[in-house]
Amino acid sequence: MARWEIEPSGCCEHKGMVQVRFCFYLEPGDARYSEHHVNLPIFPESGYPGKKDEHGMPKSQTAYRKWRDGLPHVWQTNPFHNHFIYVDPETTDEEIASIGDELLPVFYSEWLMGKTPGQRVKPPVFAKQADNQRRSRCKRRADGLRGRS
């Protein structure tokens, strides 16, 4: 069955709450797995070595495709859904994990039905202003989540 992970780049303080980004992934055998399990070229840092126009774009798309297709490739599974939640800074890791566990079957069933997952789930209404102390607690909590992921 599908799984979730916390994406560190999506954890931060947001309007006096801790923003947590969940990425939901399909596993081999899950419905429509192949839609998000893709074979991507590994581009060298030097970029395309062929002739380029004044904007840095390849002059020949045929030559570019031939070069790109000849690069080494790697298989990568992309998330089928990304979702942000907003929690108090005192929310424990266990409580955050419980939220991920509760959301997974909801989003996966919506995925199976061809819906865009998560359209019904609404984040809490934020306070208009959060004091600096609360923002600092949120930032520390988000930093801790990024370090654990």
N, C-alpha and C. Protein backbone atom coordinates (compact mmCIF):
# COMPACT_ATOMS: atom_id res chain seq x y z
N MET A 1 0.85 -1.19 0.00
CA MET A 1 0.00 0.00 0.00
C MET A 1 0.89 1.24 0.00
N ALA A 2 0.33 2.33 -0.41
CA ALA A 2 1.03 3.60 -0.48
C ALA A 2 1.63 3.97 0.88
N ARG A 3 2.54 4.94 0.86
CA ARG A 3 3.20 5.38 2.08
C ARG A 3 3.33 6.90 2.05
N TRP A 4 3.67 7.49 3.20
CA TRP A 4 3.90 8.92 3.26
C TRP A 4 5.26 9.19 3.88
N GLU A 5 5.80 10.36 3.58
CA GLU A 5 7.02 10.86 4.18
C GLU A 5 6.87 12.34 4.43
N ILE A 6 7.56 12.86 5.39
CA ILE A 6 7.62 14.31 5.59
C ILE A 6 8.72 14.85 4.68
N GLU A 7 8.37 15.87 3.90
CA GLU A 7 9.35 16.52 3.02
C GLU A 7 9.98 17.68 3.78
N PRO A 8 11.28 17.59 4.10
CA PRO A 8 11.93 18.62 4.90
C PRO A 8 11.81 20.04 4.33
N SER A 9 11.86 20.18 3.01
CA SER A 9 11.81 21.52 2.42
C SER A 9 10.46 22.20 2.66
N GLY A 10 9.44 21.45 3.05
CA GLY A 10 8.12 22.01 3.28
C GLY A 10 7.80 22.26 4.73
N CYS A 11 8.80 22.15 5.61
CA CYS A 11 8.58 22.38 7.04
C CYS A 11 9.12 23.75 7.42
N CYS A 12 8.23 24.59 7.94
CA CYS A 12 8.63 25.95 8.32
C CYS A 12 7.56 26.55 9.23
N GLU A 13 7.82 27.75 9.71
CA GLU A 13 6.81 28.50 10.44
C GLU A 13 5.95 29.21 9.42
N HIS A 14 4.64 29.19 9.60
CA HIS A 14 3.71 29.85 8.68
C HIS A 14 2.56 30.46 9.48
N LYS A 15 2.58 31.77 9.60
CA LYS A 15 1.52 32.51 10.28
C LYS A 15 1.23 31.99 11.69
N GLY A 16 2.29 31.71 12.41
CA GLY A 16 2.12 31.28 13.79
C GLY A 16 1.79 29.82 13.96
N MET A 17 1.96 29.03 12.92
CA MET A 17 1.75 27.59 12.98
C MET A 17 2.99 26.91 12.40
N VAL A 18 3.15 25.62 12.68
CA VAL A 18 4.21 24.84 12.07
C VAL A 18 3.63 24.20 10.81
N GLN A 19 4.21 24.54 9.67
CA GLN A 19 3.79 23.94 8.41
C GLN A 19 4.57 22.65 8.20
N VAL A 20 3.86 21.57 7.89
CA VAL A 20 4.47 20.27 7.64
C VAL A 20 3.99 19.80 6.27
N ARG A 21 4.94 19.43 5.42
CA ARG A 21 4.58 18.93 4.09
C ARG A 21 4.70 17.42 4.06
N PHE A 22 3.58 16.76 3.77
CA PHE A 22 3.56 15.31 3.56
C PHE A 22 3.65 15.03 2.07
N CYS A 23 4.48 14.06 1.69
CA CYS A 23 4.51 13.54 0.33
C CYS A 23 3.96 12.12 0.39
N PHE A 24 3.01 11.82 -0.47
CA PHE A 24 2.38 10.50 -0.51
C PHE A 24 2.86 9.76 -1.75
N TYR A 25 3.43 8.58 -1.54
CA TYR A 25 4.04 7.80 -2.60
C TYR A 25 3.30 6.48 -2.81
N LEU A 26 3.29 6.04 -4.05
CA LEU A 26 2.76 4.72 -4.39
C LEU A 26 3.89 3.70 -4.29
N GLU A 27 3.52 2.48 -4.03
CA GLU A 27 4.47 1.37 -3.97
C GLU A 27 4.23 0.46 -5.17
N PRO A 28 5.24 -0.32 -5.57
CA PRO A 28 5.01 -1.27 -6.66
C PRO A 28 3.79 -2.14 -6.34
N GLY A 29 2.94 -2.33 -7.32
CA GLY A 29 1.71 -3.09 -7.12
C GLY A 29 0.51 -2.21 -6.85
N ASP A 30 0.72 -0.95 -6.42
CA ASP A 30 -0.39 -0.03 -6.23
C ASP A 30 -0.95 0.39 -7.59
N ALA A 31 -2.24 0.67 -7.62
CA ALA A 31 -2.89 1.12 -8.85
C ALA A 31 -2.21 2.37 -9.39
N ARG A 32 -1.98 2.39 -10.68
CA ARG A 32 -1.42 3.54 -11.39
C ARG A 32 -0.01 3.91 -10.94
N TYR A 33 0.69 2.95 -10.37
CA TYR A 33 2.06 3.17 -9.90
C TYR A 33 2.95 3.72 -11.01
N SER A 34 2.79 3.20 -12.22
CA SER A 34 3.67 3.59 -13.32
C SER A 34 3.55 5.07 -13.69
N GLU A 35 2.46 5.72 -13.30
CA GLU A 35 2.31 7.14 -13.61
C GLU A 35 3.31 8.00 -12.84
N HIS A 36 3.78 7.51 -11.71
CA HIS A 36 4.70 8.30 -10.89
C HIS A 36 6.04 7.62 -10.68
N HIS A 37 6.26 6.49 -11.33
CA HIS A 37 7.56 5.82 -11.29
C HIS A 37 8.17 6.04 -12.67
N VAL A 38 9.10 6.98 -12.73
CA VAL A 38 9.59 7.46 -14.03
C VAL A 38 11.09 7.27 -14.16
N ASN A 39 11.53 7.13 -15.39
CA ASN A 39 12.94 6.96 -15.71
C ASN A 39 13.48 8.29 -16.22
N LEU A 40 14.31 8.94 -15.42
CA LEU A 40 14.77 10.29 -15.73
C LEU A 40 16.25 10.30 -16.10
N PRO A 41 16.60 11.16 -17.07
CA PRO A 41 18.02 11.29 -17.42
C PRO A 41 18.77 12.02 -16.31
N ILE A 42 20.04 11.67 -16.17
CA ILE A 42 20.91 12.35 -15.21
C ILE A 42 21.72 13.38 -16.02
N PHE A 43 21.36 14.64 -15.88
CA PHE A 43 22.01 15.70 -16.64
C PHE A 43 23.33 16.09 -15.99
N PRO A 44 24.41 16.22 -16.81
CA PRO A 44 25.68 16.67 -16.24
C PRO A 44 25.60 18.14 -15.86
N GLU A 45 26.41 18.55 -14.90
CA GLU A 45 26.42 19.95 -14.48
C GLU A 45 26.77 20.88 -15.63
N SER A 46 27.56 20.39 -16.56
CA SER A 46 27.98 21.23 -17.68
C SER A 46 26.85 21.51 -18.66
N GLY A 47 25.78 20.72 -18.58
CA GLY A 47 24.64 20.94 -19.46
C GLY A 47 24.86 20.44 -20.88
N TYR A 48 24.00 20.85 -21.74
CA TYR A 48 24.02 20.42 -23.15
C TYR A 48 25.26 20.98 -23.85
N PRO A 49 26.07 20.10 -24.47
CA PRO A 49 27.31 20.57 -25.09
C PRO A 49 27.14 21.07 -26.53
N GLY A 50 25.97 20.87 -27.13
CA GLY A 50 25.77 21.23 -28.54
C GLY A 50 25.56 22.72 -28.74
N LYS A 51 25.29 23.08 -29.99
CA LYS A 51 25.09 24.48 -30.35
C LYS A 51 23.78 25.01 -29.74
N LYS A 52 23.87 26.26 -29.24
CA LYS A 52 22.72 26.89 -28.60
C LYS A 52 22.45 28.24 -29.24
N ASP A 53 21.20 28.67 -29.13
CA ASP A 53 20.84 29.99 -29.66
C ASP A 53 21.20 31.08 -28.65
N GLU A 54 20.82 32.31 -28.94
CA GLU A 54 21.16 33.45 -28.07
C GLU A 54 20.52 33.37 -26.68
N HIS A 55 19.49 32.51 -26.52
CA HIS A 55 18.81 32.33 -25.23
C HIS A 55 19.34 31.12 -24.47
N GLY A 56 20.34 30.44 -25.05
CA GLY A 56 20.91 29.26 -24.40
C GLY A 56 20.14 27.98 -24.68
N MET A 57 19.20 28.03 -25.60
CA MET A 57 18.40 26.86 -25.95
C MET A 57 19.07 26.11 -27.10
N PRO A 58 18.96 24.75 -27.12
CA PRO A 58 19.56 23.99 -28.21
C PRO A 58 19.01 24.44 -29.57
N LYS A 59 19.92 24.60 -30.52
CA LYS A 59 19.49 25.00 -31.87
C LYS A 59 18.77 23.86 -32.58
N SER A 60 19.19 22.63 -32.31
CA SER A 60 18.57 21.47 -32.95
C SER A 60 17.90 20.60 -31.89
N GLN A 61 16.59 20.51 -31.95
CA GLN A 61 15.87 19.66 -31.01
C GLN A 61 16.18 18.18 -31.26
N THR A 62 16.44 17.82 -32.50
CA THR A 62 16.79 16.44 -32.82
C THR A 62 18.12 16.07 -32.15
N ALA A 63 19.11 16.94 -32.27
CA ALA A 63 20.42 16.68 -31.65
C ALA A 63 20.29 16.66 -30.12
N TYR A 64 19.48 17.58 -29.60
CA TYR A 64 19.29 17.62 -28.15
C TYR A 64 18.65 16.33 -27.65
N ARG A 65 17.58 15.86 -28.31
CA ARG A 65 16.92 14.62 -27.90
C ARG A 65 17.87 13.43 -27.97
N LYS A 66 18.67 13.38 -29.02
CA LYS A 66 19.63 12.28 -29.16
C LYS A 66 20.63 12.31 -28.01
N TRP A 67 21.13 13.50 -27.66
CA TRP A 67 22.06 13.63 -26.54
C TRP A 67 21.38 13.23 -25.24
N ARG A 68 20.18 13.76 -24.99
CA ARG A 68 19.44 13.48 -23.76
C ARG A 68 19.16 11.98 -23.63
N ASP A 69 18.71 11.35 -24.70
CA ASP A 69 18.38 9.93 -24.64
C ASP A 69 19.61 9.06 -24.41
N GLY A 70 20.79 9.58 -24.73
CA GLY A 70 22.03 8.83 -24.52
C GLY A 70 22.62 8.98 -23.13
N LEU A 71 22.03 9.86 -22.33
CA LEU A 71 22.53 10.04 -20.96
C LEU A 71 22.15 8.85 -20.08
N PRO A 72 22.90 8.63 -19.01
CA PRO A 72 22.46 7.60 -18.05
C PRO A 72 21.12 8.03 -17.44
N HIS A 73 20.32 7.06 -17.09
CA HIS A 73 18.99 7.33 -16.51
C HIS A 73 18.88 6.67 -15.14
N VAL A 74 17.98 7.20 -14.34
CA VAL A 74 17.71 6.64 -13.02
C VAL A 74 16.19 6.58 -12.82
N TRP A 75 15.73 5.51 -12.18
CA TRP A 75 14.30 5.40 -11.87
C TRP A 75 14.01 6.19 -10.60
N GLN A 76 12.91 6.92 -10.62
CA GLN A 76 12.51 7.74 -9.49
C GLN A 76 11.00 7.63 -9.31
N THR A 77 10.57 7.51 -8.08
CA THR A 77 9.14 7.51 -7.78
C THR A 77 8.78 8.88 -7.23
N ASN A 78 7.92 9.59 -7.94
CA ASN A 78 7.45 10.90 -7.51
C ASN A 78 6.19 10.75 -6.67
N PRO A 79 5.91 11.71 -5.79
CA PRO A 79 4.68 11.62 -5.00
C PRO A 79 3.43 11.69 -5.89
N PHE A 80 2.40 10.94 -5.52
CA PHE A 80 1.13 11.08 -6.24
C PHE A 80 0.33 12.23 -5.67
N HIS A 81 0.73 12.69 -4.47
CA HIS A 81 0.07 13.84 -3.86
C HIS A 81 0.99 14.45 -2.81
N ASN A 82 0.94 15.78 -2.70
CA ASN A 82 1.64 16.51 -1.65
C ASN A 82 0.58 17.26 -0.86
N HIS A 83 0.76 17.31 0.45
CA HIS A 83 -0.26 17.96 1.27
C HIS A 83 0.40 18.65 2.45
N PHE A 84 -0.02 19.88 2.72
CA PHE A 84 0.48 20.63 3.87
C PHE A 84 -0.53 20.56 5.01
N ILE A 85 -0.01 20.40 6.20
CA ILE A 85 -0.83 20.54 7.39
C ILE A 85 -0.19 21.64 8.24
N TYR A 86 -0.96 22.16 9.17
CA TYR A 86 -0.50 23.23 10.05
C TYR A 86 -0.85 22.84 11.48
N VAL A 87 0.19 22.77 12.31
CA VAL A 87 0.01 22.30 13.68
C VAL A 87 0.64 23.28 14.66
N ASP A 88 0.23 23.16 15.91
CA ASP A 88 0.84 23.93 16.98
C ASP A 88 2.27 23.45 17.19
N PRO A 89 3.14 24.31 17.70
CA PRO A 89 4.53 23.89 17.91
C PRO A 89 4.67 22.80 18.96
N GLU A 90 3.68 22.63 19.81
CA GLU A 90 3.74 21.59 20.84
C GLU A 90 3.28 20.22 20.32
N THR A 91 2.85 20.15 19.08
CA THR A 91 2.40 18.88 18.51
C THR A 91 3.57 17.91 18.45
N THR A 92 3.38 16.72 18.97
CA THR A 92 4.47 15.73 19.04
C THR A 92 4.69 15.05 17.69
N ASP A 93 5.85 14.42 17.55
CA ASP A 93 6.13 13.63 16.35
C ASP A 93 5.09 12.54 16.16
N GLU A 94 4.68 11.93 17.27
CA GLU A 94 3.69 10.86 17.21
C GLU A 94 2.35 11.37 16.69
N GLU A 95 1.96 12.57 17.14
CA GLU A 95 0.70 13.15 16.66
C GLU A 95 0.77 13.49 15.17
N ILE A 96 1.92 14.00 14.73
CA ILE A 96 2.10 14.31 13.31
C ILE A 96 2.05 13.02 12.50
N ALA A 97 2.71 11.97 12.99
CA ALA A 97 2.68 10.68 12.29
C ALA A 97 1.26 10.14 12.22
N SER A 98 0.50 10.32 13.28
CA SER A 98 -0.89 9.87 13.30
C SER A 98 -1.71 10.59 12.23
N ILE A 99 -1.45 11.88 12.06
CA ILE A 99 -2.15 12.64 11.01
C ILE A 99 -1.80 12.07 9.64
N GLY A 100 -0.52 11.79 9.40
CA GLY A 100 -0.11 11.19 8.13
C GLY A 100 -0.78 9.85 7.90
N ASP A 101 -0.84 9.04 8.96
CA ASP A 101 -1.49 7.73 8.86
C ASP A 101 -2.98 7.85 8.56
N GLU A 102 -3.63 8.88 9.11
CA GLU A 102 -5.06 9.09 8.86
C GLU A 102 -5.33 9.62 7.46
N LEU A 103 -4.44 10.47 6.95
CA LEU A 103 -4.64 11.06 5.63
C LEU A 103 -4.35 10.07 4.49
N LEU A 104 -3.39 9.17 4.70
CA LEU A 104 -2.97 8.26 3.63
C LEU A 104 -4.12 7.49 3.00
N PRO A 105 -4.95 6.77 3.75
CA PRO A 105 -6.02 6.01 3.09
C PRO A 105 -7.05 6.92 2.42
N VAL A 106 -7.26 8.11 2.94
CA VAL A 106 -8.21 9.05 2.32
C VAL A 106 -7.68 9.47 0.95
N PHE A 107 -6.44 9.91 0.91
CA PHE A 107 -5.87 10.39 -0.35
C PHE A 107 -5.68 9.25 -1.34
N TYR A 108 -5.30 8.08 -0.85
CA TYR A 108 -5.11 6.94 -1.75
C TYR A 108 -6.45 6.52 -2.37
N SER A 109 -7.52 6.51 -1.59
CA SER A 109 -8.82 6.13 -2.16
C SER A 109 -9.28 7.17 -3.18
N GLU A 110 -9.01 8.45 -2.92
CA GLU A 110 -9.35 9.48 -3.90
C GLU A 110 -8.53 9.30 -5.17
N TRP A 111 -7.27 8.94 -5.01
CA TRP A 111 -6.40 8.67 -6.15
C TRP A 111 -6.97 7.52 -6.99
N LEU A 112 -7.40 6.46 -6.32
CA LEU A 112 -7.96 5.31 -7.03
C LEU A 112 -9.22 5.68 -7.82
N MET A 113 -9.99 6.64 -7.29
CA MET A 113 -11.22 7.08 -7.97
C MET A 113 -10.95 8.13 -9.04
N GLY A 114 -9.68 8.50 -9.24
CA GLY A 114 -9.35 9.48 -10.26
C GLY A 114 -9.56 10.93 -9.83
N LYS A 115 -9.77 11.14 -8.54
CA LYS A 115 -9.96 12.51 -8.04
C LYS A 115 -8.60 13.11 -7.68
N THR A 116 -8.56 14.43 -7.60
CA THR A 116 -7.38 15.09 -7.09
C THR A 116 -7.43 14.97 -5.57
N PRO A 117 -6.48 14.26 -4.98
CA PRO A 117 -6.54 14.04 -3.53
C PRO A 117 -6.48 15.35 -2.75
N GLY A 118 -7.19 15.36 -1.63
CA GLY A 118 -7.06 16.41 -0.66
C GLY A 118 -7.87 17.67 -0.86
N GLN A 119 -8.73 17.71 -1.84
CA GLN A 119 -9.47 18.94 -2.08
C GLN A 119 -10.45 19.25 -0.95
N ARG A 120 -10.88 18.23 -0.21
CA ARG A 120 -11.85 18.45 0.86
C ARG A 120 -11.21 18.85 2.18
N VAL A 121 -9.91 18.56 2.35
CA VAL A 121 -9.25 18.81 3.63
C VAL A 121 -8.81 20.26 3.68
N LYS A 122 -9.29 20.99 4.69
CA LYS A 122 -8.96 22.40 4.81
C LYS A 122 -8.07 22.63 6.02
N PRO A 123 -7.03 23.48 5.85
CA PRO A 123 -6.19 23.79 7.01
C PRO A 123 -6.94 24.68 7.98
N PRO A 124 -6.46 24.75 9.22
CA PRO A 124 -7.14 25.61 10.19
C PRO A 124 -7.01 27.08 9.81
N VAL A 125 -7.92 27.89 10.33
CA VAL A 125 -7.85 29.33 10.12
C VAL A 125 -6.75 29.87 11.02
N PHE A 126 -5.86 30.66 10.47
CA PHE A 126 -4.74 31.20 11.23
C PHE A 126 -5.13 32.48 11.93
N ALA A 127 -4.48 32.73 13.04
CA ALA A 127 -4.63 34.02 13.70
C ALA A 127 -4.05 35.08 12.77
N LYS A 128 -4.62 36.28 12.80
CA LYS A 128 -4.14 37.35 11.94
C LYS A 128 -2.67 37.66 12.21
N GLN A 129 -2.30 37.67 13.47
CA GLN A 129 -0.91 37.94 13.84
C GLN A 129 -0.50 36.96 14.93
N ALA A 130 0.71 36.48 14.81
CA ALA A 130 1.25 35.60 15.84
C ALA A 130 2.40 36.35 16.51
N ASP A 131 2.50 36.22 17.82
CA ASP A 131 3.58 36.92 18.50
C ASP A 131 4.92 36.29 18.15
N ASN A 132 5.98 37.06 18.37
CA ASN A 132 7.33 36.60 18.00
C ASN A 132 7.74 35.35 18.75
N GLN A 133 7.30 35.21 20.00
CA GLN A 133 7.65 34.03 20.78
C GLN A 133 7.05 32.77 20.15
N ARG A 134 5.78 32.86 19.73
CA ARG A 134 5.14 31.70 19.09
C ARG A 134 5.83 31.40 17.76
N ARG A 135 6.13 32.42 16.98
CA ARG A 135 6.82 32.21 15.70
C ARG A 135 8.17 31.52 15.92
N SER A 136 8.90 31.91 16.96
CA SER A 136 10.18 31.29 17.26
C SER A 136 10.01 29.82 17.62
N ARG A 137 8.98 29.52 18.43
CA ARG A 137 8.71 28.11 18.79
C ARG A 137 8.37 27.31 17.53
N CYS A 138 7.59 27.90 16.63
CA CYS A 138 7.23 27.22 15.39
C CYS A 138 8.46 26.96 14.52
N LYS A 139 9.33 27.95 14.42
CA LYS A 139 10.55 27.79 13.63
C LYS A 139 11.43 26.68 14.20
N ARG A 140 11.58 26.66 15.54
CA ARG A 140 12.39 25.61 16.16
C ARG A 140 11.79 24.23 15.90
N ARG A 141 10.48 24.14 16.00
CA ARG A 141 9.80 22.84 15.79
C ARG A 141 9.98 22.39 14.35
N ALA A 142 9.81 23.31 13.39
CA ALA A 142 9.98 22.98 11.97
C ALA A 142 11.42 22.55 11.69
N ASP A 143 12.39 23.24 12.29
CA ASP A 143 13.79 22.85 12.13
C ASP A 143 14.01 21.43 12.64
N GLY A 144 13.38 21.11 13.77
CA GLY A 144 13.50 19.75 14.32
C GLY A 144 12.91 18.71 13.39
N LEU A 145 11.78 19.02 12.76
CA LEU A 145 11.17 18.08 11.82
C LEU A 145 12.06 17.89 10.60
N ARG A 146 12.64 18.96 10.11
CA ARG A 146 13.54 18.85 8.93
C ARG A 146 14.72 17.96 9.26
N GLY A 147 15.23 18.04 10.49
CA GLY A 147 16.36 17.23 10.89
C GLY A 147 16.05 15.76 11.05
N ARG A 148 14.80 15.42 11.30
CA ARG A 148 14.41 14.00 11.52
C ARG A 148 14.03 13.29 10.24
N SER A 149 13.68 14.04 9.21
CA SER A 149 13.12 13.43 7.98
C SER A 149 14.16 12.64 7.23
